[in-house]
Amino acid sequence: MTNFTTAHVDVTAPRTELHELLGLTGAEISINSLPAGASVPFVHSHQKNEEIYGVLAGKGKAEIDGETVELTAGDWVRIAPAGKRRFFAADDEGITYVCVQVKADSLGGYTTDDAVM
């Protein structure tokens, strides 16, 4: 048994969830791509999990609790579980983003606190 798992993901696919590919046990991670003018077809929130979104390419926007947040490559946003969210690609350009979902308030320490040297 090894202490790592690798996977290659097609970042142009509409959505790829990594939990099965990598055998994740503490986070849900997905890669999402929306073509120009498209959007996630629903608004959602969570009961216990916060989400961290990172824009890998393109541009678009997120609507969070009725507020519009413009997004471009390199932007990151954290949304609390109760935040109602929906994502949109720009009219003239698609967007590709990673979403990391973890249980809110579950982090026991940061890298410097948890690392074993």
PDB file of N, CA and C in Angstrom:
ATOM      1  N   MET A   1       0.842  -1.186   0.000  1.00  0.00           N
ATOM      2  CA  MET A   1       0.000   0.000   0.000  1.00  0.00           C
ATOM      3  C   MET A   1       0.883   1.244   0.000  1.00  0.00           C
ATOM      4  N   THR A   2       0.559   2.195  -0.859  1.00  0.00           N
ATOM      5  CA  THR A   2       1.337   3.428  -0.929  1.00  0.00           C
ATOM      6  C   THR A   2       0.624   4.547  -0.188  1.00  0.00           C
ATOM      7  N   ASN A   3       1.352   5.590   0.073  1.00  0.00           N
ATOM      8  CA  ASN A   3       0.815   6.750   0.778  1.00  0.00           C
ATOM      9  C   ASN A   3       0.376   7.860  -0.167  1.00  0.00           C
ATOM     10  N   PHE A   4       0.140   7.543  -1.439  1.00  0.00           N
ATOM     11  CA  PHE A   4      -0.327   8.566  -2.371  1.00  0.00           C
ATOM     12  C   PHE A   4      -1.140   7.940  -3.491  1.00  0.00           C
ATOM     13  N   THR A   5      -1.930   8.775  -4.149  1.00  0.00           N
ATOM     14  CA  THR A   5      -2.725   8.381  -5.309  1.00  0.00           C
ATOM     15  C   THR A   5      -2.599   9.500  -6.334  1.00  0.00           C
ATOM     16  N   THR A   6      -2.504   9.145  -7.594  1.00  0.00           N
ATOM     17  CA  THR A   6      -2.439  10.154  -8.645  1.00  0.00           C
ATOM     18  C   THR A   6      -3.597   9.950  -9.621  1.00  0.00           C
ATOM     19  N   ALA A   7      -3.951  11.006 -10.314  1.00  0.00           N
ATOM     20  CA  ALA A   7      -4.987  10.945 -11.339  1.00  0.00           C
ATOM     21  C   ALA A   7      -4.737  12.082 -12.317  1.00  0.00           C
ATOM     22  N   HIS A   8      -5.119  11.869 -13.567  1.00  0.00           N
ATOM     23  CA  HIS A   8      -5.067  12.930 -14.574  1.00  0.00           C
ATOM     24  C   HIS A   8      -6.499  13.288 -14.927  1.00  0.00           C
ATOM     25  N   VAL A   9      -6.807  14.566 -14.945  1.00  0.00           N
ATOM     26  CA  VAL A   9      -8.165  15.036 -15.160  1.00  0.00           C
ATOM     27  C   VAL A   9      -8.229  15.888 -16.415  1.00  0.00           C
ATOM     28  N   ASP A  10      -9.258  15.675 -17.223  1.00  0.00           N
ATOM     29  CA  ASP A  10      -9.530  16.524 -18.378  1.00  0.00           C
ATOM     30  C   ASP A  10     -10.206  17.788 -17.875  1.00  0.00           C
ATOM     31  N   VAL A  11      -9.464  18.880 -17.816  1.00  0.00           N
ATOM     32  CA  VAL A  11     -10.009  20.118 -17.260  1.00  0.00           C
ATOM     33  C   VAL A  11     -11.021  20.788 -18.184  1.00  0.00           C
ATOM     34  N   THR A  12     -11.233  20.237 -19.374  1.00  0.00           N
ATOM     35  CA  THR A  12     -12.258  20.788 -20.260  1.00  0.00           C
ATOM     36  C   THR A  12     -13.594  20.067 -20.089  1.00  0.00           C
ATOM     37  N   ALA A  13     -13.621  18.976 -19.322  1.00  0.00           N
ATOM     38  CA  ALA A  13     -14.880  18.279 -19.058  1.00  0.00           C
ATOM     39  C   ALA A  13     -15.784  19.191 -18.232  1.00  0.00           C
ATOM     40  N   PRO A  14     -17.096  19.079 -18.379  1.00  0.00           N
ATOM     41  CA  PRO A  14     -17.994  19.953 -17.611  1.00  0.00           C
ATOM     42  C   PRO A  14     -17.796  19.852 -16.095  1.00  0.00           C
ATOM     43  N   ARG A  15     -17.601  18.626 -15.572  1.00  0.00           N
ATOM     44  CA  ARG A  15     -17.397  18.459 -14.128  1.00  0.00           C
ATOM     45  C   ARG A  15     -16.715  17.128 -13.881  1.00  0.00           C
ATOM     46  N   THR A  16     -15.670  17.164 -13.065  1.00  0.00           N
ATOM     47  CA  THR A  16     -14.994  15.943 -12.642  1.00  0.00           C
ATOM     48  C   THR A  16     -14.848  15.986 -11.132  1.00  0.00           C
ATOM     49  N   GLU A  17     -15.387  14.984 -10.454  1.00  0.00           N
ATOM     50  CA  GLU A  17     -15.246  14.882  -9.000  1.00  0.00           C
ATOM     51  C   GLU A  17     -14.071  13.968  -8.699  1.00  0.00           C
ATOM     52  N   LEU A  18     -13.229  14.387  -7.765  1.00  0.00           N
ATOM     53  CA  LEU A  18     -11.989  13.665  -7.497  1.00  0.00           C
ATOM     54  C   LEU A  18     -12.063  12.689  -6.330  1.00  0.00           C
ATOM     55  N   HIS A  19     -13.192  12.622  -5.609  1.00  0.00           N
ATOM     56  CA  HIS A  19     -13.223  11.771  -4.414  1.00  0.00           C
ATOM     57  C   HIS A  19     -12.971  10.305  -4.734  1.00  0.00           C
ATOM     58  N   GLU A  20     -13.555   9.774  -5.791  1.00  0.00           N
ATOM     59  CA  GLU A  20     -13.311   8.374  -6.143  1.00  0.00           C
ATOM     60  C   GLU A  20     -11.962   8.203  -6.833  1.00  0.00           C
ATOM     61  N   LEU A  21     -11.608   9.127  -7.720  1.00  0.00           N
ATOM     62  CA  LEU A  21     -10.333   9.021  -8.443  1.00  0.00           C
ATOM     63  C   LEU A  21      -9.135   8.988  -7.499  1.00  0.00           C
ATOM     64  N   LEU A  22      -9.204   9.777  -6.415  1.00  0.00           N
ATOM     65  CA  LEU A  22      -8.075   9.884  -5.497  1.00  0.00           C
ATOM     66  C   LEU A  22      -8.300   9.181  -4.160  1.00  0.00           C
ATOM     67  N   GLY A  23      -9.498   8.672  -3.929  1.00  0.00           N
ATOM     68  CA  GLY A  23      -9.796   8.047  -2.639  1.00  0.00           C
ATOM     69  C   GLY A  23      -9.798   9.054  -1.505  1.00  0.00           C
ATOM     70  N   LEU A  24     -10.384  10.221  -1.734  1.00  0.00           N
ATOM     71  CA  LEU A  24     -10.380  11.288  -0.733  1.00  0.00           C
ATOM     72  C   LEU A  24     -11.191  10.899   0.504  1.00  0.00           C
ATOM     73  N   THR A  25     -10.713  11.292   1.670  1.00  0.00           N
ATOM     74  CA  THR A  25     -11.404  10.977   2.921  1.00  0.00           C
ATOM     75  C   THR A  25     -11.694  12.213   3.775  1.00  0.00           C
ATOM     76  N   GLY A  26     -11.172  13.373   3.415  1.00  0.00           N
ATOM     77  CA  GLY A  26     -11.371  14.556   4.238  1.00  0.00           C
ATOM     78  C   GLY A  26     -11.854  15.768   3.481  1.00  0.00           C
ATOM     79  N   ALA A  27     -12.016  15.639   2.158  1.00  0.00           N
ATOM     80  CA  ALA A  27     -12.449  16.776   1.350  1.00  0.00           C
ATOM     81  C   ALA A  27     -13.119  16.255   0.084  1.00  0.00           C
ATOM     82  N   GLU A  28     -13.988  17.066  -0.465  1.00  0.00           N
ATOM     83  CA  GLU A  28     -14.558  16.816  -1.788  1.00  0.00           C
ATOM     84  C   GLU A  28     -13.956  17.861  -2.702  1.00  0.00           C
ATOM     85  N   ILE A  29     -13.390  17.440  -3.823  1.00  0.00           N
ATOM     86  CA  ILE A  29     -12.781  18.366  -4.772  1.00  0.00           C
ATOM     87  C   ILE A  29     -13.351  18.073  -6.148  1.00  0.00           C
ATOM     88  N   SER A  30     -13.721  19.135  -6.854  1.00  0.00           N
ATOM     89  CA  SER A  30     -14.188  18.965  -8.231  1.00  0.00           C
ATOM     90  C   SER A  30     -13.557  20.030  -9.105  1.00  0.00           C
ATOM     91  N   ILE A  31     -13.402  19.683 -10.383  1.00  0.00           N
ATOM     92  CA  ILE A  31     -12.964  20.624 -11.411  1.00  0.00           C
ATOM     93  C   ILE A  31     -14.183  20.864 -12.294  1.00  0.00           C
ATOM     94  N   ASN A  32     -14.506  22.127 -12.535  1.00  0.00           N
ATOM     95  CA  ASN A  32     -15.730  22.486 -13.247  1.00  0.00           C
ATOM     96  C   ASN A  32     -15.413  23.449 -14.382  1.00  0.00           C
ATOM     97  N   SER A  33     -16.036  23.228 -15.540  1.00  0.00           N
ATOM     98  CA  SER A  33     -15.872  24.129 -16.678  1.00  0.00           C
ATOM     99  C   SER A  33     -17.233  24.500 -17.235  1.00  0.00           C
ATOM    100  N   LEU A  34     -17.431  25.795 -17.402  1.00  0.00           N
ATOM    101  CA  LEU A  34     -18.649  26.300 -18.015  1.00  0.00           C
ATOM    102  C   LEU A  34     -18.269  27.038 -19.292  1.00  0.00           C
ATOM    103  N   PRO A  35     -18.913  26.725 -20.419  1.00  0.00           N
ATOM    104  CA  PRO A  35     -18.621  27.481 -21.641  1.00  0.00           C
ATOM    105  C   PRO A  35     -19.196  28.892 -21.562  1.00  0.00           C
ATOM    106  N   ALA A  36     -18.747  29.753 -22.446  1.00  0.00           N
ATOM    107  CA  ALA A  36     -19.234  31.138 -22.480  1.00  0.00           C
ATOM    108  C   ALA A  36     -20.750  31.170 -22.460  1.00  0.00           C
ATOM    109  N   GLY A  37     -21.308  32.022 -21.601  1.00  0.00           N
ATOM    110  CA  GLY A  37     -22.747  32.210 -21.515  1.00  0.00           C
ATOM    111  C   GLY A  37     -23.491  31.178 -20.681  1.00  0.00           C
ATOM    112  N   ALA A  38     -22.811  30.154 -20.195  1.00  0.00           N
ATOM    113  CA  ALA A  38     -23.474  29.094 -19.425  1.00  0.00           C
ATOM    114  C   ALA A  38     -23.432  29.399 -17.933  1.00  0.00           C
ATOM    115  N   SER A  39     -24.244  28.654 -17.183  1.00  0.00           N
ATOM    116  CA  SER A  39     -24.247  28.799 -15.734  1.00  0.00           C
ATOM    117  C   SER A  39     -24.579  27.470 -15.087  1.00  0.00           C
ATOM    118  N   VAL A  40     -24.278  27.363 -13.807  1.00  0.00           N
ATOM    119  CA  VAL A  40     -24.740  26.229 -13.021  1.00  0.00           C
ATOM    120  C   VAL A  40     -26.264  26.389 -12.956  1.00  0.00           C
ATOM    121  N   PRO A  41     -27.022  25.330 -13.222  1.00  0.00           N
ATOM    122  CA  PRO A  41     -28.480  25.496 -13.366  1.00  0.00           C
ATOM    123  C   PRO A  41     -29.270  25.595 -12.059  1.00  0.00           C
ATOM    124  N   PHE A  42     -28.598  25.770 -10.929  1.00  0.00           N
ATOM    125  CA  PHE A  42     -29.319  25.824  -9.660  1.00  0.00           C
ATOM    126  C   PHE A  42     -28.550  26.650  -8.638  1.00  0.00           C
ATOM    127  N   VAL A  43     -29.276  27.182  -7.671  1.00  0.00           N
ATOM    128  CA  VAL A  43     -28.693  27.844  -6.504  1.00  0.00           C
ATOM    129  C   VAL A  43     -28.606  26.785  -5.423  1.00  0.00           C
ATOM    130  N   HIS A  44     -27.494  26.789  -4.664  1.00  0.00           N
ATOM    131  CA  HIS A  44     -27.393  25.807  -3.578  1.00  0.00           C
ATOM    132  C   HIS A  44     -26.638  26.371  -2.390  1.00  0.00           C
ATOM    133  N   SER A  45     -26.794  25.693  -1.273  1.00  0.00           N
ATOM    134  CA  SER A  45     -26.035  25.964  -0.052  1.00  0.00           C
ATOM    135  C   SER A  45     -25.720  24.604   0.556  1.00  0.00           C
ATOM    136  N   HIS A  46     -25.120  24.600   1.723  1.00  0.00           N
ATOM    137  CA  HIS A  46     -24.776  23.340   2.380  1.00  0.00           C
ATOM    138  C   HIS A  46     -25.206  23.372   3.829  1.00  0.00           C
ATOM    139  N   GLN A  47     -25.294  22.201   4.420  1.00  0.00           N
ATOM    140  CA  GLN A  47     -25.652  22.103   5.836  1.00  0.00           C
ATOM    141  C   GLN A  47     -24.428  22.284   6.723  1.00  0.00           C
ATOM    142  N   LYS A  48     -23.303  21.619   6.369  1.00  0.00           N
ATOM    143  CA  LYS A  48     -22.119  21.624   7.232  1.00  0.00           C
ATOM    144  C   LYS A  48     -20.827  22.008   6.514  1.00  0.00           C
ATOM    145  N   ASN A  49     -20.828  21.977   5.203  1.00  0.00           N
ATOM    146  CA  ASN A  49     -19.579  22.147   4.458  1.00  0.00           C
ATOM    147  C   ASN A  49     -19.408  23.543   3.879  1.00  0.00           C
ATOM    148  N   GLU A  50     -18.207  24.110   4.102  1.00  0.00           N
ATOM    149  CA  GLU A  50     -17.831  25.333   3.403  1.00  0.00           C
ATOM    150  C   GLU A  50     -17.221  24.925   2.070  1.00  0.00           C
ATOM    151  N   GLU A  51     -17.229  25.855   1.118  1.00  0.00           N
ATOM    152  CA  GLU A  51     -16.603  25.588  -0.173  1.00  0.00           C
ATOM    153  C   GLU A  51     -15.584  26.677  -0.477  1.00  0.00           C
ATOM    154  N   ILE A  52     -14.471  26.263  -1.063  1.00  0.00           N
ATOM    155  CA  ILE A  52     -13.427  27.169  -1.499  1.00  0.00           C
ATOM    156  C   ILE A  52     -13.321  27.005  -3.007  1.00  0.00           C
ATOM    157  N   TYR A  53     -13.497  28.091  -3.740  1.00  0.00           N
ATOM    158  CA  TYR A  53     -13.451  28.064  -5.193  1.00  0.00           C
ATOM    159  C   TYR A  53     -12.209  28.800  -5.662  1.00  0.00           C
ATOM    160  N   GLY A  54     -11.502  28.216  -6.637  1.00  0.00           N
ATOM    161  CA  GLY A  54     -10.354  28.859  -7.253  1.00  0.00           C
ATOM    162  C   GLY A  54     -10.532  28.874  -8.756  1.00  0.00           C
ATOM    163  N   VAL A  55     -10.453  30.041  -9.363  1.00  0.00           N
ATOM    164  CA  VAL A  55     -10.631  30.163 -10.811  1.00  0.00           C
ATOM    165  C   VAL A  55      -9.300  29.852 -11.487  1.00  0.00           C
ATOM    166  N   LEU A  56      -9.298  28.791 -12.298  1.00  0.00           N
ATOM    167  CA  LEU A  56      -8.084  28.353 -12.990  1.00  0.00           C
ATOM    168  C   LEU A  56      -7.903  29.046 -14.329  1.00  0.00           C
ATOM    169  N   ALA A  57      -9.008  29.317 -15.022  1.00  0.00           N
ATOM    170  CA  ALA A  57      -8.935  29.947 -16.342  1.00  0.00           C
ATOM    171  C   ALA A  57     -10.257  30.630 -16.648  1.00  0.00           C
ATOM    172  N   GLY A  58     -10.197  31.651 -17.488  1.00  0.00           N
ATOM    173  CA  GLY A  58     -11.409  32.318 -17.942  1.00  0.00           C
ATOM    174  C   GLY A  58     -11.923  33.354 -16.975  1.00  0.00           C
ATOM    175  N   LYS A  59     -13.222  33.664 -17.140  1.00  0.00           N
ATOM    176  CA  LYS A  59     -13.841  34.667 -16.280  1.00  0.00           C
ATOM    177  C   LYS A  59     -15.335  34.406 -16.180  1.00  0.00           C
ATOM    178  N   GLY A  60     -15.923  34.991 -15.161  1.00  0.00           N
ATOM    179  CA  GLY A  60     -17.347  34.845 -14.930  1.00  0.00           C
ATOM    180  C   GLY A  60     -17.734  35.565 -13.666  1.00  0.00           C
ATOM    181  N   LYS A  61     -18.752  35.031 -13.009  1.00  0.00           N
ATOM    182  CA  LYS A  61     -19.192  35.652 -11.760  1.00  0.00           C
ATOM    183  C   LYS A  61     -19.856  34.597 -10.894  1.00  0.00           C
ATOM    184  N   ALA A  62     -19.928  34.919  -9.611  1.00  0.00           N
ATOM    185  CA  ALA A  62     -20.689  34.124  -8.656  1.00  0.00           C
ATOM    186  C   ALA A  62     -21.745  35.040  -8.063  1.00  0.00           C
ATOM    187  N   GLU A  63     -22.930  34.512  -7.868  1.00  0.00           N
ATOM    188  CA  GLU A  63     -23.943  35.218  -7.098  1.00  0.00           C
ATOM    189  C   GLU A  63     -24.022  34.508  -5.764  1.00  0.00           C
ATOM    190  N   ILE A  64     -23.728  35.248  -4.700  1.00  0.00           N
ATOM    191  CA  ILE A  64     -23.682  34.700  -3.341  1.00  0.00           C
ATOM    192  C   ILE A  64     -24.585  35.549  -2.461  1.00  0.00           C
ATOM    193  N   ASP A  65     -25.632  34.927  -1.949  1.00  0.00           N
ATOM    194  CA  ASP A  65     -26.605  35.636  -1.108  1.00  0.00           C
ATOM    195  C   ASP A  65     -27.092  36.928  -1.769  1.00  0.00           C
ATOM    196  N   GLY A  66     -27.314  36.868  -3.075  1.00  0.00           N
ATOM    197  CA  GLY A  66     -27.827  38.022  -3.811  1.00  0.00           C
ATOM    198  C   GLY A  66     -26.784  39.039  -4.217  1.00  0.00           C
ATOM    199  N   GLU A  67     -25.528  38.821  -3.840  1.00  0.00           N
ATOM    200  CA  GLU A  67     -24.440  39.735  -4.190  1.00  0.00           C
ATOM    201  C   GLU A  67     -23.656  39.149  -5.365  1.00  0.00           C
ATOM    202  N   THR A  68     -23.262  39.977  -6.317  1.00  0.00           N
ATOM    203  CA  THR A  68     -22.492  39.525  -7.467  1.00  0.00           C
ATOM    204  C   THR A  68     -21.005  39.738  -7.222  1.00  0.00           C
ATOM    205  N   VAL A  69     -20.228  38.673  -7.441  1.00  0.00           N
ATOM    206  CA  VAL A  69     -18.776  38.729  -7.290  1.00  0.00           C
ATOM    207  C   VAL A  69     -18.170  38.394  -8.645  1.00  0.00           C
ATOM    208  N   GLU A  70     -17.495  39.358  -9.260  1.00  0.00           N
ATOM    209  CA  GLU A  70     -16.824  39.121 -10.545  1.00  0.00           C
ATOM    210  C   GLU A  70     -15.592  38.262 -10.309  1.00  0.00           C
ATOM    211  N   LEU A  71     -15.331  37.308 -11.210  1.00  0.00           N
ATOM    212  CA  LEU A  71     -14.224  36.366 -11.044  1.00  0.00           C
ATOM    213  C   LEU A  71     -13.388  36.268 -12.310  1.00  0.00           C
ATOM    214  N   THR A  72     -12.055  36.220 -12.128  1.00  0.00           N
ATOM    215  CA  THR A  72     -11.129  35.975 -13.231  1.00  0.00           C
ATOM    216  C   THR A  72     -10.065  35.001 -12.750  1.00  0.00           C
ATOM    217  N   ALA A  73      -9.304  34.462 -13.695  1.00  0.00           N
ATOM    218  CA  ALA A  73      -8.256  33.496 -13.368  1.00  0.00           C
ATOM    219  C   ALA A  73      -7.371  34.031 -12.252  1.00  0.00           C
ATOM    220  N   GLY A  74      -7.143  33.185 -11.247  1.00  0.00           N
ATOM    221  CA  GLY A  74      -6.334  33.561 -10.099  1.00  0.00           C
ATOM    222  C   GLY A  74      -7.142  33.965  -8.882  1.00  0.00           C
ATOM    223  N   ASP A  75      -8.437  34.215  -9.058  1.00  0.00           N
ATOM    224  CA  ASP A  75      -9.288  34.593  -7.925  1.00  0.00           C
ATOM    225  C   ASP A  75      -9.683  33.365  -7.106  1.00  0.00           C
ATOM    226  N   TRP A  76      -9.810  33.566  -5.808  1.00  0.00           N
ATOM    227  CA  TRP A  76     -10.263  32.532  -4.869  1.00  0.00           C
ATOM    228  C   TRP A  76     -11.346  33.124  -3.993  1.00  0.00           C
ATOM    229  N   VAL A  77     -12.330  32.311  -3.632  1.00  0.00           N
ATOM    230  CA  VAL A  77     -13.405  32.753  -2.749  1.00  0.00           C
ATOM    231  C   VAL A  77     -13.829  31.597  -1.847  1.00  0.00           C
ATOM    232  N   ARG A  78     -14.042  31.905  -0.576  1.00  0.00           N
ATOM    233  CA  ARG A  78     -14.554  30.929   0.394  1.00  0.00           C
ATOM    234  C   ARG A  78     -15.999  31.296   0.699  1.00  0.00           C
ATOM    235  N   ILE A  79     -16.874  30.282   0.702  1.00  0.00           N
ATOM    236  CA  ILE A  79     -18.284  30.517   0.986  1.00  0.00           C
ATOM    237  C   ILE A  79     -18.692  29.642   2.167  1.00  0.00           C
ATOM    238  N   ALA A  80     -19.253  30.267   3.192  1.00  0.00           N
ATOM    239  CA  ALA A  80     -19.737  29.551   4.377  1.00  0.00           C
ATOM    240  C   ALA A  80     -20.875  28.609   3.976  1.00  0.00           C
ATOM    241  N   PRO A  81     -21.120  27.576   4.778  1.00  0.00           N
ATOM    242  CA  PRO A  81     -22.153  26.601   4.421  1.00  0.00           C
ATOM    243  C   PRO A  81     -23.497  27.226   4.041  1.00  0.00           C
ATOM    244  N   ALA A  82     -23.979  28.198   4.805  1.00  0.00           N
ATOM    245  CA  ALA A  82     -25.311  28.762   4.577  1.00  0.00           C
ATOM    246  C   ALA A  82     -25.396  29.689   3.366  1.00  0.00           C
ATOM    247  N   GLY A  83     -24.257  30.101   2.820  1.00  0.00           N
ATOM    248  CA  GLY A  83     -24.267  31.014   1.676  1.00  0.00           C
ATOM    249  C   GLY A  83     -24.924  30.385   0.460  1.00  0.00           C
ATOM    250  N   LYS A  84     -25.911  31.069  -0.090  1.00  0.00           N
ATOM    251  CA  LYS A  84     -26.596  30.581  -1.294  1.00  0.00           C
ATOM    252  C   LYS A  84     -25.803  31.041  -2.506  1.00  0.00           C
ATOM    253  N   ARG A  85     -25.383  30.080  -3.342  1.00  0.00           N
ATOM    254  CA  ARG A  85     -24.442  30.378  -4.410  1.00  0.00           C
ATOM    255  C   ARG A  85     -24.856  29.803  -5.754  1.00  0.00           C
ATOM    256  N   ARG A  86     -24.395  30.489  -6.806  1.00  0.00           N
ATOM    257  CA  ARG A  86     -24.573  30.043  -8.188  1.00  0.00           C
ATOM    258  C   ARG A  86     -23.474  30.677  -9.021  1.00  0.00           C
ATOM    259  N   PHE A  87     -22.943  29.920  -9.989  1.00  0.00           N
ATOM    260  CA  PHE A  87     -21.818  30.378 -10.801  1.00  0.00           C
ATOM    261  C   PHE A  87     -22.207  30.529 -12.259  1.00  0.00           C
ATOM    262  N   PHE A  88     -21.595  31.532 -12.913  1.00  0.00           N
ATOM    263  CA  PHE A  88     -21.874  31.868 -14.300  1.00  0.00           C
ATOM    264  C   PHE A  88     -20.561  32.102 -15.049  1.00  0.00           C
ATOM    265  N   ALA A  89     -20.484  31.657 -16.287  1.00  0.00           N
ATOM    266  CA  ALA A  89     -19.381  32.050 -17.169  1.00  0.00           C
ATOM    267  C   ALA A  89     -19.733  33.406 -17.772  1.00  0.00           C
ATOM    268  N   ALA A  90     -18.717  34.140 -18.188  1.00  0.00           N
ATOM    269  CA  ALA A  90     -18.951  35.410 -18.874  1.00  0.00           C
ATOM    270  C   ALA A  90     -19.634  35.129 -20.217  1.00  0.00           C
ATOM    271  N   ASP A  91     -20.293  36.132 -20.768  1.00  0.00           N
ATOM    272  CA  ASP A  91     -20.960  35.963 -22.058  1.00  0.00           C
ATOM    273  C   ASP A  91     -19.972  35.687 -23.180  1.00  0.00           C
ATOM    274  N   ASP A  92     -18.756  36.228 -23.055  1.00  0.00           N
ATOM    275  CA  ASP A  92     -17.778  36.110 -24.132  1.00  0.00           C
ATOM    276  C   ASP A  92     -16.625  35.140 -23.841  1.00  0.00           C
ATOM    277  N   GLU A  93     -16.642  34.472 -22.680  1.00  0.00           N
ATOM    278  CA  GLU A  93     -15.528  33.586 -22.318  1.00  0.00           C
ATOM    279  C   GLU A  93     -15.993  32.579 -21.278  1.00  0.00           C
ATOM    280  N   GLY A  94     -15.515  31.348 -21.402  1.00  0.00           N
ATOM    281  CA  GLY A  94     -15.840  30.320 -20.422  1.00  0.00           C
ATOM    282  C   GLY A  94     -15.043  30.508 -19.144  1.00  0.00           C
ATOM    283  N   ILE A  95     -15.330  29.650 -18.162  1.00  0.00           N
ATOM    284  CA  ILE A  95     -14.627  29.683 -16.884  1.00  0.00           C
ATOM    285  C   ILE A  95     -14.354  28.250 -16.431  1.00  0.00           C
ATOM    286  N   THR A  96     -13.162  28.023 -15.902  1.00  0.00           N
ATOM    287  CA  THR A  96     -12.799  26.737 -15.314  1.00  0.00           C
ATOM    288  C   THR A  96     -12.364  27.004 -13.886  1.00  0.00           C
ATOM    289  N   TYR A  97     -12.955  26.256 -12.954  1.00  0.00           N
ATOM    290  CA  TYR A  97     -12.647  26.489 -11.543  1.00  0.00           C
ATOM    291  C   TYR A  97     -12.597  25.181 -10.773  1.00  0.00           C
ATOM    292  N   VAL A  98     -11.839  25.206  -9.694  1.00  0.00           N
ATOM    293  CA  VAL A  98     -11.769  24.085  -8.766  1.00  0.00           C
ATOM    294  C   VAL A  98     -12.630  24.434  -7.558  1.00  0.00           C
ATOM    295  N   CYS A  99     -13.322  23.437  -7.035  1.00  0.00           N
ATOM    296  CA  CYS A  99     -14.120  23.620  -5.825  1.00  0.00           C
ATOM    297  C   CYS A  99     -13.649  22.605  -4.794  1.00  0.00           C
ATOM    298  N   VAL A 100     -13.255  23.098  -3.624  1.00  0.00           N
ATOM    299  CA  VAL A 100     -12.841  22.248  -2.510  1.00  0.00           C
ATOM    300  C   VAL A 100     -13.902  22.388  -1.430  1.00  0.00           C
ATOM    301  N   GLN A 101     -14.498  21.266  -1.050  1.00  0.00           N
ATOM    302  CA  GLN A 101     -15.565  21.274  -0.042  1.00  0.00           C
ATOM    303  C   GLN A 101     -15.084  20.521   1.189  1.00  0.00           C
ATOM    304  N   VAL A 102     -15.150  21.179   2.342  1.00  0.00           N
ATOM    305  CA  VAL A 102     -14.714  20.580   3.607  1.00  0.00           C
ATOM    306  C   VAL A 102     -15.690  20.965   4.705  1.00  0.00           C
ATOM    307  N   LYS A 103     -15.720  20.174   5.763  1.00  0.00           N
ATOM    308  CA  LYS A 103     -16.584  20.488   6.891  1.00  0.00           C
ATOM    309  C   LYS A 103     -16.098  21.780   7.552  1.00  0.00           C
ATOM    310  N   ALA A 104     -16.988  22.723   7.714  1.00  0.00           N
ATOM    311  CA  ALA A 104     -16.633  24.003   8.340  1.00  0.00           C
ATOM    312  C   ALA A 104     -16.117  23.778   9.759  1.00  0.00           C
ATOM    313  N   ASP A 105     -15.118  24.543  10.134  1.00  0.00           N
ATOM    314  CA  ASP A 105     -14.530  24.522  11.487  1.00  0.00           C
ATOM    315  C   ASP A 105     -13.916  23.175  11.860  1.00  0.00           C
ATOM    316  N   SER A 106     -13.449  22.409  10.870  1.00  0.00           N
ATOM    317  CA  SER A 106     -12.877  21.090  11.166  1.00  0.00           C
ATOM    318  C   SER A 106     -11.352  21.063  11.126  1.00  0.00           C
ATOM    319  N   LEU A 107     -10.719  22.138  10.671  1.00  0.00           N
ATOM    320  CA  LEU A 107      -9.262  22.148  10.531  1.00  0.00           C
ATOM    321  C   LEU A 107      -8.603  22.201  11.901  1.00  0.00           C
ATOM    322  N   GLY A 108      -7.788  21.176  12.203  1.00  0.00           N
ATOM    323  CA  GLY A 108      -7.130  21.086  13.493  1.00  0.00           C
ATOM    324  C   GLY A 108      -5.835  21.847  13.570  1.00  0.00           C
ATOM    325  N   GLY A 109      -5.288  22.241  12.444  1.00  0.00           N
ATOM    326  CA  GLY A 109      -4.041  22.989  12.423  1.00  0.00           C
ATOM    327  C   GLY A 109      -3.632  23.268  10.996  1.00  0.00           C
ATOM    328  N   TYR A 110      -2.767  24.245  10.831  1.00  0.00           N
ATOM    329  CA  TYR A 110      -2.266  24.595   9.499  1.00  0.00           C
ATOM    330  C   TYR A 110      -0.983  23.814   9.245  1.00  0.00           C
ATOM    331  N   THR A 111      -0.415  23.966   8.069  1.00  0.00           N
ATOM    332  CA  THR A 111       0.776  23.217   7.684  1.00  0.00           C
ATOM    333  C   THR A 111       1.871  23.306   8.738  1.00  0.00           C
ATOM    334  N   THR A 112       2.150  24.489   9.234  1.00  0.00           N
ATOM    335  CA  THR A 112       3.230  24.648  10.209  1.00  0.00           C
ATOM    336  C   THR A 112       2.914  23.975  11.532  1.00  0.00           C
ATOM    337  N   ASP A 113       1.621  23.826  11.861  1.00  0.00           N
ATOM    338  CA  ASP A 113       1.237  23.158  13.106  1.00  0.00           C
ATOM    339  C   ASP A 113       1.146  21.649  12.945  1.00  0.00           C
ATOM    340  N   ASP A 114       0.812  21.184  11.747  1.00  0.00           N
ATOM    341  CA  ASP A 114       0.536  19.763  11.514  1.00  0.00           C
ATOM    342  C   ASP A 114       1.732  19.011  10.901  1.00  0.00           C
ATOM    343  N   ALA A 115       2.660  19.712  10.305  1.00  0.00           N
ATOM    344  CA  ALA A 115       3.779  19.068   9.612  1.00  0.00           C
ATOM    345  C   ALA A 115       4.695  18.331  10.589  1.00  0.00           C
ATOM    346  N   VAL A 116       5.215  17.215  10.131  1.00  0.00           N
ATOM    347  CA  VAL A 116       6.202  16.448  10.904  1.00  0.00           C
ATOM    348  C   VAL A 116       7.505  16.534  10.128  1.00  0.00           C
ATOM    349  N   MET A 117       8.514  17.119  10.730  1.00  0.00           N
ATOM    350  CA  MET A 117       9.802  17.304  10.054  1.00  0.00           C
ATOM    351  C   MET A 117      10.765  16.215  10.483  1.00  0.00           C
TER     352      MET A 117
END
